[in-house]
Amino acid sequence: MSKIVDQPVLMVAEKDAPKRFFWFKRWVNVSTVIDKWKEIGRWWEDDTEKLFFRVLSREGGIYEVYTEKNRWNLYKVYD
């Protein structure tokens, strides 16, 4: 199961890969990048390209985050 959040987060990244992000009053530390892909979105509405990452946290949670125009969002949280 998963839940779409799609909220801005404060991200610490190295070489354009997420390392940790601040969400729900705590830091979530990324241990592994599981997957990485790009999406264009609604190009007909001038959406820009988003770079997505599915990550595993050190605490065992799975999250999807993306960057767009140098801003980071938490997109999805897996239960």
N, C-alpha and C. Protein backbone atom coordinates (compact mmCIF):
# COMPACT_ATOMS: atom_id res chain seq x y z
N MET A 1 0.83 -1.18 0.00
CA MET A 1 0.00 0.00 0.00
C MET A 1 0.86 1.24 0.00
N SER A 2 0.35 2.31 -0.54
CA SER A 2 1.08 3.56 -0.58
C SER A 2 0.13 4.73 -0.42
N LYS A 3 0.72 5.87 -0.08
CA LYS A 3 -0.06 7.09 0.11
C LYS A 3 0.65 8.22 -0.62
N ILE A 4 -0.07 8.93 -1.48
CA ILE A 4 0.51 10.08 -2.18
C ILE A 4 0.48 11.28 -1.25
N VAL A 5 1.64 11.90 -1.09
CA VAL A 5 1.80 13.05 -0.21
C VAL A 5 2.01 14.31 -1.03
N ASP A 6 2.97 14.29 -1.94
CA ASP A 6 3.33 15.38 -2.85
C ASP A 6 3.48 16.73 -2.13
N GLN A 7 4.41 16.76 -1.15
CA GLN A 7 4.71 17.96 -0.37
C GLN A 7 6.18 18.32 -0.50
N PRO A 8 6.48 19.62 -0.46
CA PRO A 8 7.89 20.03 -0.49
C PRO A 8 8.62 19.54 0.77
N VAL A 9 9.88 19.16 0.59
CA VAL A 9 10.72 18.74 1.72
C VAL A 9 12.08 19.40 1.62
N LEU A 10 12.72 19.55 2.75
CA LEU A 10 14.09 20.01 2.80
C LEU A 10 14.97 18.79 2.52
N MET A 11 15.81 18.86 1.49
CA MET A 11 16.59 17.70 1.06
C MET A 11 18.07 17.99 1.15
N VAL A 12 18.82 16.99 1.60
CA VAL A 12 20.27 17.00 1.51
C VAL A 12 20.61 15.98 0.45
N ALA A 13 21.27 16.44 -0.62
CA ALA A 13 21.59 15.56 -1.74
C ALA A 13 23.06 15.69 -2.08
N GLU A 14 23.62 14.60 -2.61
CA GLU A 14 24.99 14.58 -3.11
C GLU A 14 24.98 14.01 -4.51
N LYS A 15 25.60 14.72 -5.45
CA LYS A 15 25.65 14.30 -6.85
C LYS A 15 24.25 14.03 -7.39
N ASP A 16 23.31 14.91 -7.04
CA ASP A 16 21.90 14.83 -7.48
C ASP A 16 21.18 13.59 -6.98
N ALA A 17 21.68 12.93 -5.95
CA ALA A 17 20.99 11.79 -5.36
C ALA A 17 20.62 12.13 -3.91
N PRO A 18 19.40 11.79 -3.48
CA PRO A 18 18.98 12.13 -2.12
C PRO A 18 19.76 11.36 -1.06
N LYS A 19 20.13 12.06 0.01
CA LYS A 19 20.84 11.44 1.14
C LYS A 19 19.99 11.45 2.40
N ARG A 20 19.25 12.55 2.62
CA ARG A 20 18.30 12.61 3.73
C ARG A 20 17.35 13.78 3.49
N PHE A 21 16.15 13.66 4.06
CA PHE A 21 15.17 14.73 3.92
C PHE A 21 14.38 14.90 5.21
N PHE A 22 13.87 16.10 5.40
CA PHE A 22 13.13 16.44 6.62
C PHE A 22 11.65 16.37 6.32
N TRP A 23 10.95 15.48 7.04
CA TRP A 23 9.52 15.31 6.84
C TRP A 23 8.87 14.87 8.14
N PHE A 24 7.75 15.44 8.44
CA PHE A 24 6.96 15.10 9.62
C PHE A 24 7.78 15.24 10.91
N LYS A 25 8.49 16.38 11.02
CA LYS A 25 9.25 16.77 12.20
C LYS A 25 10.45 15.88 12.50
N ARG A 26 10.99 15.21 11.45
CA ARG A 26 12.18 14.38 11.68
C ARG A 26 12.96 14.22 10.38
N TRP A 27 14.22 13.87 10.51
CA TRP A 27 15.07 13.57 9.36
C TRP A 27 14.90 12.11 8.97
N VAL A 28 14.73 11.85 7.70
CA VAL A 28 14.68 10.50 7.15
C VAL A 28 15.98 10.30 6.39
N ASN A 29 16.79 9.33 6.82
CA ASN A 29 18.09 9.06 6.22
C ASN A 29 17.97 7.99 5.14
N VAL A 30 18.45 8.29 3.95
CA VAL A 30 18.37 7.36 2.82
C VAL A 30 19.55 6.39 2.88
N SER A 31 19.25 5.10 2.84
CA SER A 31 20.32 4.11 2.82
C SER A 31 20.59 3.61 1.40
N THR A 32 19.53 3.49 0.57
CA THR A 32 19.67 2.94 -0.78
C THR A 32 18.71 3.62 -1.74
N VAL A 33 19.19 3.92 -2.93
CA VAL A 33 18.31 4.35 -4.01
C VAL A 33 17.89 3.08 -4.74
N ILE A 34 16.60 2.75 -4.68
CA ILE A 34 16.08 1.52 -5.28
C ILE A 34 15.88 1.68 -6.77
N ASP A 35 15.36 2.85 -7.18
CA ASP A 35 15.06 3.08 -8.59
C ASP A 35 15.15 4.58 -8.87
N LYS A 36 15.34 4.90 -10.16
CA LYS A 36 15.46 6.29 -10.59
C LYS A 36 14.86 6.39 -11.98
N TRP A 37 14.02 7.40 -12.22
CA TRP A 37 13.43 7.59 -13.54
C TRP A 37 13.02 9.05 -13.73
N LYS A 38 12.71 9.40 -14.98
CA LYS A 38 12.26 10.74 -15.32
C LYS A 38 10.83 10.68 -15.85
N GLU A 39 10.07 11.73 -15.55
CA GLU A 39 8.71 11.87 -16.08
C GLU A 39 8.53 13.29 -16.58
N ILE A 40 7.83 13.42 -17.69
CA ILE A 40 7.56 14.73 -18.26
C ILE A 40 6.32 15.35 -17.65
N GLY A 41 5.30 14.56 -17.39
CA GLY A 41 4.06 15.11 -16.85
C GLY A 41 3.18 15.68 -17.94
N ARG A 42 2.45 16.71 -17.61
CA ARG A 42 1.52 17.34 -18.56
C ARG A 42 2.26 18.35 -19.42
N TRP A 43 2.96 17.87 -20.41
CA TRP A 43 3.75 18.74 -21.27
C TRP A 43 2.90 19.79 -21.96
N TRP A 44 1.64 19.46 -22.25
CA TRP A 44 0.74 20.40 -22.92
C TRP A 44 0.36 21.56 -22.00
N GLU A 45 0.63 21.41 -20.69
CA GLU A 45 0.41 22.49 -19.72
C GLU A 45 1.74 23.07 -19.26
N ASP A 46 2.80 22.84 -20.03
CA ASP A 46 4.15 23.33 -19.74
C ASP A 46 4.76 22.77 -18.45
N ASP A 47 4.36 21.55 -18.06
CA ASP A 47 5.05 20.87 -16.96
C ASP A 47 6.50 20.63 -17.37
N THR A 48 7.38 20.74 -16.42
CA THR A 48 8.79 20.46 -16.69
C THR A 48 9.12 19.03 -16.27
N GLU A 49 10.28 18.57 -16.70
CA GLU A 49 10.71 17.22 -16.39
C GLU A 49 11.00 17.07 -14.89
N LYS A 50 10.57 15.94 -14.34
CA LYS A 50 10.82 15.62 -12.94
C LYS A 50 11.70 14.39 -12.88
N LEU A 51 12.68 14.41 -11.97
CA LEU A 51 13.55 13.27 -11.75
C LEU A 51 13.12 12.61 -10.44
N PHE A 52 12.62 11.37 -10.56
CA PHE A 52 12.10 10.63 -9.41
C PHE A 52 13.13 9.65 -8.87
N PHE A 53 13.06 9.42 -7.56
CA PHE A 53 13.87 8.41 -6.88
C PHE A 53 12.96 7.62 -5.95
N ARG A 54 13.05 6.30 -6.00
CA ARG A 54 12.43 5.45 -4.98
C ARG A 54 13.56 5.05 -4.05
N VAL A 55 13.40 5.37 -2.76
CA VAL A 55 14.50 5.18 -1.81
C VAL A 55 14.06 4.34 -0.62
N LEU A 56 15.04 3.68 -0.04
CA LEU A 56 14.86 2.91 1.19
C LEU A 56 15.56 3.68 2.29
N SER A 57 14.86 3.93 3.39
CA SER A 57 15.46 4.66 4.51
C SER A 57 16.20 3.68 5.41
N ARG A 58 17.11 4.22 6.21
CA ARG A 58 17.82 3.39 7.19
C ARG A 58 16.87 2.77 8.20
N GLU A 59 15.74 3.43 8.41
CA GLU A 59 14.74 2.93 9.35
C GLU A 59 13.82 1.88 8.73
N GLY A 60 13.96 1.65 7.42
CA GLY A 60 13.19 0.60 6.75
C GLY A 60 12.02 1.08 5.92
N GLY A 61 11.73 2.36 5.89
CA GLY A 61 10.62 2.88 5.09
C GLY A 61 11.00 3.05 3.63
N ILE A 62 10.00 3.01 2.76
CA ILE A 62 10.21 3.22 1.32
C ILE A 62 9.45 4.48 0.93
N TYR A 63 10.14 5.36 0.20
CA TYR A 63 9.60 6.65 -0.19
C TYR A 63 9.90 6.93 -1.65
N GLU A 64 9.08 7.78 -2.27
CA GLU A 64 9.39 8.32 -3.59
C GLU A 64 9.52 9.82 -3.44
N VAL A 65 10.64 10.34 -3.93
CA VAL A 65 10.89 11.78 -3.92
C VAL A 65 11.22 12.20 -5.34
N TYR A 66 11.01 13.47 -5.64
CA TYR A 66 11.41 13.96 -6.95
C TYR A 66 11.95 15.37 -6.84
N THR A 67 12.76 15.73 -7.83
CA THR A 67 13.27 17.08 -7.93
C THR A 67 12.79 17.69 -9.24
N GLU A 68 12.43 18.96 -9.15
CA GLU A 68 11.95 19.72 -10.30
C GLU A 68 12.36 21.16 -10.08
N LYS A 69 13.11 21.71 -11.02
CA LYS A 69 13.58 23.10 -10.92
C LYS A 69 14.33 23.35 -9.60
N ASN A 70 15.19 22.43 -9.23
CA ASN A 70 16.02 22.53 -8.02
C ASN A 70 15.21 22.56 -6.72
N ARG A 71 13.99 22.06 -6.76
CA ARG A 71 13.17 21.90 -5.56
C ARG A 71 12.85 20.42 -5.39
N TRP A 72 12.76 19.99 -4.15
CA TRP A 72 12.48 18.58 -3.86
C TRP A 72 11.09 18.42 -3.24
N ASN A 73 10.41 17.35 -3.63
CA ASN A 73 9.12 16.99 -3.05
C ASN A 73 9.13 15.52 -2.65
N LEU A 74 8.45 15.25 -1.55
CA LEU A 74 8.15 13.86 -1.19
C LEU A 74 6.86 13.54 -1.90
N TYR A 75 6.89 12.57 -2.81
CA TYR A 75 5.72 12.25 -3.61
C TYR A 75 4.87 11.15 -2.99
N LYS A 76 5.50 10.06 -2.56
CA LYS A 76 4.74 8.89 -2.10
C LYS A 76 5.43 8.23 -0.93
N VAL A 77 4.62 7.71 0.00
CA VAL A 77 5.11 6.95 1.15
C VAL A 77 4.47 5.57 1.07
N TYR A 78 5.29 4.53 1.17
CA TYR A 78 4.80 3.16 1.15
C TYR A 78 4.61 2.64 2.57
N ASP A 79 3.52 1.94 2.79
CA ASP A 79 3.24 1.36 4.13
C ASP A 79 3.96 0.05 4.31
